[in-house]
Amino acid sequence: MDADFINLTTKNLDNEHLCCIIRSKKPHQGVDAKRQWLSERLNEGHVFRKLNTKGTVFIEYAPLETAWVPIIGDNYYYMYCLWILGNYKGKGYGTSLMKYCLADAKERGKSGICMLGAKKQKSWLSDQSFAKSFGFEVVDTTDNGYELLALSFYGTTPKFAQNAKKQKIANKELTIYYDMQCPFIYQNIEMIKQYCEMKDVPVSLIQVDTLQKAKELPCVFNNWAVFYKGTFETVNLLDVAYLKRILKNKNQ
């Protein structure tokens, strides 16, 4: 089965399908932004491994030291995403990708692998029950139910940076921190801009464009984070209905 997979490199990045469910024959600004973001990460040890097809079957991970998340630890991999969709489910692809990541980590002498989870599974986060079946355990938590899961090889564990547990900012208007790692982010930002302009909702959109900014964020982050009324809300990308709920609940 491994022969069916390929790893993205700086040489093949421009020509390979990026595995998300965006289907467009025309240039897509979200996909283009993702390619640019990846082109700057691959030389840092970032791994994007995918099934050699135009489907959603891939894993994405990076050395924790260069992963754009407010998590600290010694010599870990951070797994951003393991995603299998549609007819590709149930065929062992997820297991194959996870085993590849584990073997890669051990071969490179890593201390383990970690990922973002939650007490209740959330959209846009990898399946934590699947990860736990490989031995991942909760090693740190936030007050609002997010968890750091880790599979430790030698007994050491990573943790959320202290700033990630603040979950408060001074700005009271709708505030979104984002990077361009996910192809869906560009269109999500555009939707939010249009909705907030139409409804006269003040909004601050803050692009996380350096590793340092990502490490210093005041909340958990996997490429996206939403605050309202100064309080952290979610790492989920938003549709209009979800955005309306956030705005309504805090204004009651």
C-alpha atoms as a PDB file:
ATOM      1  CA  MET A   1       0.000   0.000   0.000  1.00  0.00           C
ATOM      2  CA  ASP A   2       2.891   2.395   0.675  1.00  0.00           C
ATOM      3  CA  ALA A   3       3.625   2.477  -3.061  1.00  0.00           C
ATOM      4  CA  ASP A   4       0.295   4.296  -3.501  1.00  0.00           C
ATOM      5  CA  PHE A   5       1.506   7.276  -1.432  1.00  0.00           C
ATOM      6  CA  ILE A   6       3.779  10.181  -2.250  1.00  0.00           C
ATOM      7  CA  ASN A   7       5.344  12.935  -0.160  1.00  0.00           C
ATOM      8  CA  LEU A   8       5.185  16.518  -1.354  1.00  0.00           C
ATOM      9  CA  THR A   9       8.538  18.138  -2.089  1.00  0.00           C
ATOM     10  CA  THR A  10       9.614  21.523  -3.357  1.00  0.00           C
ATOM     11  CA  LYS A  11      10.008  19.863  -6.775  1.00  0.00           C
ATOM     12  CA  ASN A  12       6.528  18.298  -7.082  1.00  0.00           C
ATOM     13  CA  LEU A  13       4.499  20.748  -4.974  1.00  0.00           C
ATOM     14  CA  ASP A  14       3.265  22.860  -7.890  1.00  0.00           C
ATOM     15  CA  ASN A  15       1.843  19.867  -9.751  1.00  0.00           C
ATOM     16  CA  GLU A  16       0.284  17.738  -7.010  1.00  0.00           C
ATOM     17  CA  HIS A  17      -3.316  17.827  -5.803  1.00  0.00           C
ATOM     18  CA  LEU A  18      -3.427  19.008  -2.183  1.00  0.00           C
ATOM     19  CA  CYS A  19      -6.073  16.481  -1.085  1.00  0.00           C
ATOM     20  CA  CYS A  20      -8.704  18.781   0.397  1.00  0.00           C
ATOM     21  CA  ILE A  21     -12.252  18.713  -0.950  1.00  0.00           C
ATOM     22  CA  ILE A  22     -11.904  21.924  -2.950  1.00  0.00           C
ATOM     23  CA  ARG A  23     -12.563  20.981  -6.566  1.00  0.00           C
ATOM     24  CA  SER A  24     -11.719  23.728  -9.037  1.00  0.00           C
ATOM     25  CA  LYS A  25     -10.175  23.646 -12.501  1.00  0.00           C
ATOM     26  CA  LYS A  26      -9.555  27.386 -12.260  1.00  0.00           C
ATOM     27  CA  PRO A  27      -6.869  28.943 -10.033  1.00  0.00           C
ATOM     28  CA  HIS A  28      -8.075  28.945  -6.415  1.00  0.00           C
ATOM     29  CA  GLN A  29      -6.615  31.553  -4.070  1.00  0.00           C
ATOM     30  CA  GLY A  30      -6.921  29.285  -1.025  1.00  0.00           C
ATOM     31  CA  VAL A  31      -5.049  26.457  -2.749  1.00  0.00           C
ATOM     32  CA  ASP A  32      -2.438  28.874  -4.068  1.00  0.00           C
ATOM     33  CA  ALA A  33      -1.947  30.277  -0.556  1.00  0.00           C
ATOM     34  CA  LYS A  34      -1.559  26.746   0.813  1.00  0.00           C
ATOM     35  CA  ARG A  35       1.094  25.923  -1.785  1.00  0.00           C
ATOM     36  CA  GLN A  36       3.019  29.060  -0.900  1.00  0.00           C
ATOM     37  CA  TRP A  37       2.797  28.301   2.832  1.00  0.00           C
ATOM     38  CA  LEU A  38       3.976  24.722   2.242  1.00  0.00           C
ATOM     39  CA  SER A  39       6.830  25.806  -0.007  1.00  0.00           C
ATOM     40  CA  GLU A  40       8.267  27.719   2.947  1.00  0.00           C
ATOM     41  CA  ARG A  41       7.753  24.855   5.412  1.00  0.00           C
ATOM     42  CA  LEU A  42       9.029  21.785   3.548  1.00  0.00           C
ATOM     43  CA  ASN A  43      12.677  22.668   4.101  1.00  0.00           C
ATOM     44  CA  GLU A  44      11.940  22.892   7.853  1.00  0.00           C
ATOM     45  CA  GLY A  45      11.096  19.185   8.009  1.00  0.00           C
ATOM     46  CA  HIS A  46       7.346  19.601   7.404  1.00  0.00           C
ATOM     47  CA  VAL A  47       5.812  16.426   5.949  1.00  0.00           C
ATOM     48  CA  PHE A  48       2.753  16.251   3.715  1.00  0.00           C
ATOM     49  CA  ARG A  49       2.092  12.644   2.649  1.00  0.00           C
ATOM     50  CA  LYS A  50      -0.887  11.831   0.439  1.00  0.00           C
ATOM     51  CA  LEU A  51      -2.495   9.084  -1.561  1.00  0.00           C
ATOM     52  CA  ASN A  52      -1.516   9.444  -5.213  1.00  0.00           C
ATOM     53  CA  THR A  53      -5.010  10.446  -6.310  1.00  0.00           C
ATOM     54  CA  LYS A  54      -7.299  13.467  -6.447  1.00  0.00           C
ATOM     55  CA  GLY A  55      -8.964  12.560  -3.177  1.00  0.00           C
ATOM     56  CA  THR A  56      -8.815  13.492   0.481  1.00  0.00           C
ATOM     57  CA  VAL A  57      -6.326  11.025   1.961  1.00  0.00           C
ATOM     58  CA  PHE A  58      -3.359  12.638   3.668  1.00  0.00           C
ATOM     59  CA  ILE A  59      -1.361  13.308   6.808  1.00  0.00           C
ATOM     60  CA  GLU A  60       0.462  16.527   7.635  1.00  0.00           C
ATOM     61  CA  TYR A  61       2.979  16.915  10.438  1.00  0.00           C
ATOM     62  CA  ALA A  62       6.126  18.824  11.385  1.00  0.00           C
ATOM     63  CA  PRO A  63       8.836  19.059  14.047  1.00  0.00           C
ATOM     64  CA  LEU A  64       7.187  20.690  17.057  1.00  0.00           C
ATOM     65  CA  GLU A  65       9.943  23.285  17.209  1.00  0.00           C
ATOM     66  CA  THR A  66       8.882  24.644  13.803  1.00  0.00           C
ATOM     67  CA  ALA A  67       5.161  23.804  14.008  1.00  0.00           C
ATOM     68  CA  TRP A  68       2.925  26.878  13.979  1.00  0.00           C
ATOM     69  CA  VAL A  69       1.156  26.060  17.240  1.00  0.00           C
ATOM     70  CA  PRO A  70       1.549  27.393  20.824  1.00  0.00           C
ATOM     71  CA  ILE A  71       2.824  24.058  22.092  1.00  0.00           C
ATOM     72  CA  ILE A  72       6.271  23.366  23.503  1.00  0.00           C
ATOM     73  CA  GLY A  73       8.189  20.138  23.918  1.00  0.00           C
ATOM     74  CA  ASP A  74      11.520  18.517  23.313  1.00  0.00           C
ATOM     75  CA  ASN A  75      12.075  16.747  19.992  1.00  0.00           C
ATOM     76  CA  TYR A  76       8.436  15.912  19.169  1.00  0.00           C
ATOM     77  CA  TYR A  77       6.501  15.798  15.932  1.00  0.00           C
ATOM     78  CA  TYR A  78       3.244  17.767  15.837  1.00  0.00           C
ATOM     79  CA  MET A  79       0.471  16.252  13.724  1.00  0.00           C
ATOM     80  CA  TYR A  80      -1.669  18.975  12.167  1.00  0.00           C
ATOM     81  CA  CYS A  81      -4.052  16.804  10.237  1.00  0.00           C
ATOM     82  CA  LEU A  82      -4.883  13.204   9.346  1.00  0.00           C
ATOM     83  CA  TRP A  83      -7.874  13.261   7.053  1.00  0.00           C
ATOM     84  CA  ILE A  84      -9.654  10.531   5.075  1.00  0.00           C
ATOM     85  CA  LEU A  85     -12.947  11.279   3.324  1.00  0.00           C
ATOM     86  CA  GLY A  86     -15.596   9.631   1.197  1.00  0.00           C
ATOM     87  CA  ASN A  87     -15.033   6.301  -0.499  1.00  0.00           C
ATOM     88  CA  TYR A  88     -11.469   6.173   0.825  1.00  0.00           C
ATOM     89  CA  LYS A  89     -12.659   5.500   4.377  1.00  0.00           C
ATOM     90  CA  GLY A  90     -12.464   1.979   5.741  1.00  0.00           C
ATOM     91  CA  LYS A  91      -9.658   0.842   3.441  1.00  0.00           C
ATOM     92  CA  GLY A  92      -6.772   1.105   5.870  1.00  0.00           C
ATOM     93  CA  TYR A  93      -5.347   4.345   4.517  1.00  0.00           C
ATOM     94  CA  GLY A  94      -5.566   6.123   7.868  1.00  0.00           C
ATOM     95  CA  THR A  95      -3.709   3.285   9.553  1.00  0.00           C
ATOM     96  CA  SER A  96      -1.054   3.297   6.860  1.00  0.00           C
ATOM     97  CA  LEU A  97      -0.498   7.052   7.185  1.00  0.00           C
ATOM     98  CA  MET A  98      -0.346   6.921  10.978  1.00  0.00           C
ATOM     99  CA  LYS A  99       2.139   4.032  10.890  1.00  0.00           C
ATOM    100  CA  TYR A 100       4.277   5.988   8.450  1.00  0.00           C
ATOM    101  CA  CYS A 101       4.357   8.961  10.829  1.00  0.00           C
ATOM    102  CA  LEU A 102       5.253   6.712  13.769  1.00  0.00           C
ATOM    103  CA  ALA A 103       8.028   4.991  11.825  1.00  0.00           C
ATOM    104  CA  ASP A 104       9.364   8.321  10.595  1.00  0.00           C
ATOM    105  CA  ALA A 105       9.418   9.704  14.141  1.00  0.00           C
ATOM    106  CA  LYS A 106      11.285   6.679  15.487  1.00  0.00           C
ATOM    107  CA  GLU A 107      13.748   6.624  12.601  1.00  0.00           C
ATOM    108  CA  ARG A 108      14.604  10.271  13.233  1.00  0.00           C
ATOM    109  CA  GLY A 109      14.976   9.752  16.974  1.00  0.00           C
ATOM    110  CA  LYS A 110      11.958  11.814  17.951  1.00  0.00           C
ATOM    111  CA  SER A 111      10.624  11.677  21.509  1.00  0.00           C
ATOM    112  CA  GLY A 112       7.085  11.171  20.290  1.00  0.00           C
ATOM    113  CA  ILE A 113       4.150  12.684  18.404  1.00  0.00           C
ATOM    114  CA  CYS A 114       1.470  15.091  19.638  1.00  0.00           C
ATOM    115  CA  MET A 115      -1.745  16.597  18.308  1.00  0.00           C
ATOM    116  CA  LEU A 116      -4.571  18.907  19.326  1.00  0.00           C
ATOM    117  CA  GLY A 117      -7.789  17.302  20.569  1.00  0.00           C
ATOM    118  CA  ALA A 118     -10.756  18.047  22.801  1.00  0.00           C
ATOM    119  CA  LYS A 119     -12.862  16.338  25.448  1.00  0.00           C
ATOM    120  CA  LYS A 120     -15.615  16.210  22.822  1.00  0.00           C
ATOM    121  CA  GLN A 121     -14.455  15.616  19.236  1.00  0.00           C
ATOM    122  CA  LYS A 122     -14.574  18.856  17.262  1.00  0.00           C
ATOM    123  CA  SER A 123     -14.770  19.544  13.553  1.00  0.00           C
ATOM    124  CA  TRP A 124     -11.509  20.443  11.835  1.00  0.00           C
ATOM    125  CA  LEU A 125      -9.492  18.357  14.312  1.00  0.00           C
ATOM    126  CA  SER A 126      -8.170  14.876  13.562  1.00  0.00           C
ATOM    127  CA  ASP A 127     -10.055  11.898  15.006  1.00  0.00           C
ATOM    128  CA  GLN A 128      -8.692  11.575  18.524  1.00  0.00           C
ATOM    129  CA  SER A 129     -10.327   8.198  19.177  1.00  0.00           C
ATOM    130  CA  PHE A 130      -8.365   6.852  16.224  1.00  0.00           C
ATOM    131  CA  ALA A 131      -5.157   8.371  17.621  1.00  0.00           C
ATOM    132  CA  LYS A 132      -5.849   6.896  21.054  1.00  0.00           C
ATOM    133  CA  SER A 133      -6.071   3.435  19.484  1.00  0.00           C
ATOM    134  CA  PHE A 134      -2.351   3.854  18.683  1.00  0.00           C
ATOM    135  CA  GLY A 135      -1.528   4.813  22.268  1.00  0.00           C
ATOM    136  CA  PHE A 136      -1.977   8.605  22.266  1.00  0.00           C
ATOM    137  CA  GLU A 137      -2.928   9.926  25.708  1.00  0.00           C
ATOM    138  CA  VAL A 138      -4.043  13.281  27.093  1.00  0.00           C
ATOM    139  CA  VAL A 139      -0.998  15.084  28.525  1.00  0.00           C
ATOM    140  CA  ASP A 140      -2.309  18.637  28.965  1.00  0.00           C
ATOM    141  CA  THR A 141      -5.649  20.461  28.979  1.00  0.00           C
ATOM    142  CA  THR A 142      -7.177  23.924  28.866  1.00  0.00           C
ATOM    143  CA  ASP A 143     -10.036  25.161  31.017  1.00  0.00           C
ATOM    144  CA  ASN A 144     -12.466  25.113  28.100  1.00  0.00           C
ATOM    145  CA  GLY A 145     -12.056  21.479  27.091  1.00  0.00           C
ATOM    146  CA  TYR A 146      -9.217  21.392  24.591  1.00  0.00           C
ATOM    147  CA  GLU A 147      -6.615  18.689  25.107  1.00  0.00           C
ATOM    148  CA  LEU A 148      -3.084  17.964  24.006  1.00  0.00           C
ATOM    149  CA  LEU A 149      -2.687  14.313  23.056  1.00  0.00           C
ATOM    150  CA  ALA A 150       0.722  12.695  22.837  1.00  0.00           C
ATOM    151  CA  LEU A 151       2.310   9.362  22.097  1.00  0.00           C
ATOM    152  CA  SER A 152       5.559   9.367  24.057  1.00  0.00           C
ATOM    153  CA  PHE A 153       8.404   7.001  23.189  1.00  0.00           C
ATOM    154  CA  TYR A 154      10.667   7.808  26.145  1.00  0.00           C
ATOM    155  CA  GLY A 155       8.419   9.188  28.867  1.00  0.00           C
ATOM    156  CA  THR A 156       8.780  12.915  28.168  1.00  0.00           C
ATOM    157  CA  THR A 157       5.663  14.925  27.290  1.00  0.00           C
ATOM    158  CA  PRO A 158       4.958  18.228  25.532  1.00  0.00           C
ATOM    159  CA  LYS A 159       2.579  20.869  26.890  1.00  0.00           C
ATOM    160  CA  PHE A 160       0.589  23.905  25.884  1.00  0.00           C
ATOM    161  CA  ALA A 161       2.589  27.121  26.140  1.00  0.00           C
ATOM    162  CA  GLN A 162       1.364  29.118  29.123  1.00  0.00           C
ATOM    163  CA  ASN A 163       0.116  31.894  26.835  1.00  0.00           C
ATOM    164  CA  ALA A 164      -2.137  29.364  25.053  1.00  0.00           C
ATOM    165  CA  LYS A 165      -4.131  28.909  28.253  1.00  0.00           C
ATOM    166  CA  LYS A 166      -5.011  32.600  28.643  1.00  0.00           C
ATOM    167  CA  GLN A 167      -8.002  32.398  26.281  1.00  0.00           C
ATOM    168  CA  LYS A 168      -8.597  36.135  26.790  1.00  0.00           C
ATOM    169  CA  ILE A 169      -7.665  39.214  24.786  1.00  0.00           C
ATOM    170  CA  ALA A 170      -8.289  42.930  25.339  1.00  0.00           C
ATOM    171  CA  ASN A 171     -10.100  43.395  22.025  1.00  0.00           C
ATOM    172  CA  LYS A 172     -13.852  42.889  22.491  1.00  0.00           C
ATOM    173  CA  GLU A 173     -14.878  42.763  18.839  1.00  0.00           C
ATOM    174  CA  LEU A 174     -14.972  39.610  16.757  1.00  0.00           C
ATOM    175  CA  THR A 175     -11.307  38.662  16.355  1.00  0.00           C
ATOM    176  CA  ILE A 176      -9.902  35.851  14.242  1.00  0.00           C
ATOM    177  CA  TYR A 177      -6.310  34.654  14.165  1.00  0.00           C
ATOM    178  CA  TYR A 178      -5.448  32.636  11.072  1.00  0.00           C
ATOM    179  CA  ASP A 179      -2.611  31.394   8.899  1.00  0.00           C
ATOM    180  CA  MET A 180      -2.728  30.121   5.323  1.00  0.00           C
ATOM    181  CA  GLN A 181      -2.063  26.456   5.989  1.00  0.00           C
ATOM    182  CA  CYS A 182      -5.576  25.275   5.137  1.00  0.00           C
ATOM    183  CA  PRO A 183      -6.976  25.913   1.617  1.00  0.00           C
ATOM    184  CA  PHE A 184     -10.386  26.668   3.141  1.00  0.00           C
ATOM    185  CA  ILE A 185      -9.131  29.627   5.163  1.00  0.00           C
ATOM    186  CA  TYR A 186      -9.011  32.152   2.345  1.00  0.00           C
ATOM    187  CA  GLN A 187     -12.660  31.642   1.388  1.00  0.00           C
ATOM    188  CA  ASN A 188     -13.701  31.566   5.059  1.00  0.00           C
ATOM    189  CA  ILE A 189     -12.050  34.925   5.656  1.00  0.00           C
ATOM    190  CA  GLU A 190     -13.768  36.384   2.608  1.00  0.00           C
ATOM    191  CA  MET A 191     -17.159  35.114   3.794  1.00  0.00           C
ATOM    192  CA  ILE A 192     -16.650  36.631   7.237  1.00  0.00           C
ATOM    193  CA  LYS A 193     -15.555  39.966   5.752  1.00  0.00           C
ATOM    194  CA  GLN A 194     -18.678  40.107   3.598  1.00  0.00           C
ATOM    195  CA  TYR A 195     -21.040  39.089   6.387  1.00  0.00           C
ATOM    196  CA  CYS A 196     -19.580  41.526   8.924  1.00  0.00           C
ATOM    197  CA  GLU A 197     -19.648  44.367   6.412  1.00  0.00           C
ATOM    198  CA  MET A 198     -23.266  43.620   5.522  1.00  0.00           C
ATOM    199  CA  LYS A 199     -24.353  43.369   9.189  1.00  0.00           C
ATOM    200  CA  ASP A 200     -22.089  46.190  10.392  1.00  0.00           C
ATOM    201  CA  VAL A 201     -20.218  43.861  12.770  1.00  0.00           C
ATOM    202  CA  PRO A 202     -16.745  45.142  13.757  1.00  0.00           C
ATOM    203  CA  VAL A 203     -14.125  42.469  13.059  1.00  0.00           C
ATOM    204  CA  SER A 204     -10.362  42.137  13.438  1.00  0.00           C
ATOM    205  CA  LEU A 205      -8.680  39.600  11.147  1.00  0.00           C
ATOM    206  CA  ILE A 206      -5.124  38.893  12.274  1.00  0.00           C
ATOM    207  CA  GLN A 207      -2.884  36.852  10.006  1.00  0.00           C
ATOM    208  CA  VAL A 208      -0.360  34.697  11.842  1.00  0.00           C
ATOM    209  CA  ASP A 209       2.508  34.921   9.393  1.00  0.00           C
ATOM    210  CA  THR A 210       5.542  33.935  11.463  1.00  0.00           C
ATOM    211  CA  LEU A 211       6.478  31.048  13.724  1.00  0.00           C
ATOM    212  CA  GLN A 212       6.989  33.431  16.639  1.00  0.00           C
ATOM    213  CA  LYS A 213       3.470  34.835  16.327  1.00  0.00           C
ATOM    214  CA  ALA A 214       2.066  31.314  16.320  1.00  0.00           C
ATOM    215  CA  LYS A 215       4.024  30.264  19.409  1.00  0.00           C
ATOM    216  CA  GLU A 216       2.854  33.375  21.311  1.00  0.00           C
ATOM    217  CA  LEU A 217      -0.892  33.103  20.593  1.00  0.00           C
ATOM    218  CA  PRO A 218      -3.259  33.494  23.567  1.00  0.00           C
ATOM    219  CA  CYS A 219      -5.201  30.297  22.788  1.00  0.00           C
ATOM    220  CA  VAL A 220      -4.935  26.858  21.217  1.00  0.00           C
ATOM    221  CA  PHE A 221      -4.441  27.005  17.460  1.00  0.00           C
ATOM    222  CA  ASN A 222      -4.246  24.574  14.569  1.00  0.00           C
ATOM    223  CA  ASN A 223      -4.343  27.294  11.857  1.00  0.00           C
ATOM    224  CA  TRP A 224      -7.444  29.207  13.065  1.00  0.00           C
ATOM    225  CA  ALA A 225      -8.818  30.692  16.313  1.00  0.00           C
ATOM    226  CA  VAL A 226     -11.902  32.810  17.045  1.00  0.00           C
ATOM    227  CA  PHE A 227     -12.444  35.298  19.883  1.00  0.00           C
ATOM    228  CA  TYR A 228     -15.534  37.358  20.699  1.00  0.00           C
ATOM    229  CA  LYS A 229     -16.078  39.791  23.562  1.00  0.00           C
ATOM    230  CA  GLY A 230     -12.474  39.123  24.513  1.00  0.00           C
ATOM    231  CA  THR A 231     -13.058  35.381  25.068  1.00  0.00           C
ATOM    232  CA  PHE A 232     -11.785  32.471  23.003  1.00  0.00           C
ATOM    233  CA  GLU A 233     -14.547  30.620  21.166  1.00  0.00           C
ATOM    234  CA  THR A 234     -13.257  27.898  18.826  1.00  0.00           C
ATOM    235  CA  VAL A 235     -10.597  26.541  16.471  1.00  0.00           C
ATOM    236  CA  ASN A 236     -13.362  25.604  14.016  1.00  0.00           C
ATOM    237  CA  LEU A 237     -13.703  27.364  10.700  1.00  0.00           C
ATOM    238  CA  LEU A 238     -17.037  29.181  10.581  1.00  0.00           C
ATOM    239  CA  ASP A 239     -20.049  29.043   8.338  1.00  0.00           C
ATOM    240  CA  VAL A 240     -22.683  31.787   8.509  1.00  0.00           C
ATOM    241  CA  ALA A 241     -24.893  29.826  10.925  1.00  0.00           C
ATOM    242  CA  TYR A 242     -22.006  29.208  13.346  1.00  0.00           C
ATOM    243  CA  LEU A 243     -20.946  32.853  13.150  1.00  0.00           C
ATOM    244  CA  LYS A 244     -24.508  33.973  13.886  1.00  0.00           C
ATOM    245  CA  ARG A 245     -24.648  31.712  16.965  1.00  0.00           C
ATOM    246  CA  ILE A 246     -21.425  33.160  18.367  1.00  0.00           C
ATOM    247  CA  LEU A 247     -22.607  36.725  17.867  1.00  0.00           C
ATOM    248  CA  LYS A 248     -26.096  36.005  19.218  1.00  0.00           C
ATOM    249  CA  ASN A 249     -25.066  34.048  22.298  1.00  0.00           C
ATOM    250  CA  LYS A 250     -22.704  36.750  23.549  1.00  0.00           C
ATOM    251  CA  ASN A 251     -25.242  39.533  22.923  1.00  0.00           C
ATOM    252  CA  GLN A 252     -28.113  38.023  24.879  1.00  0.00           C
END
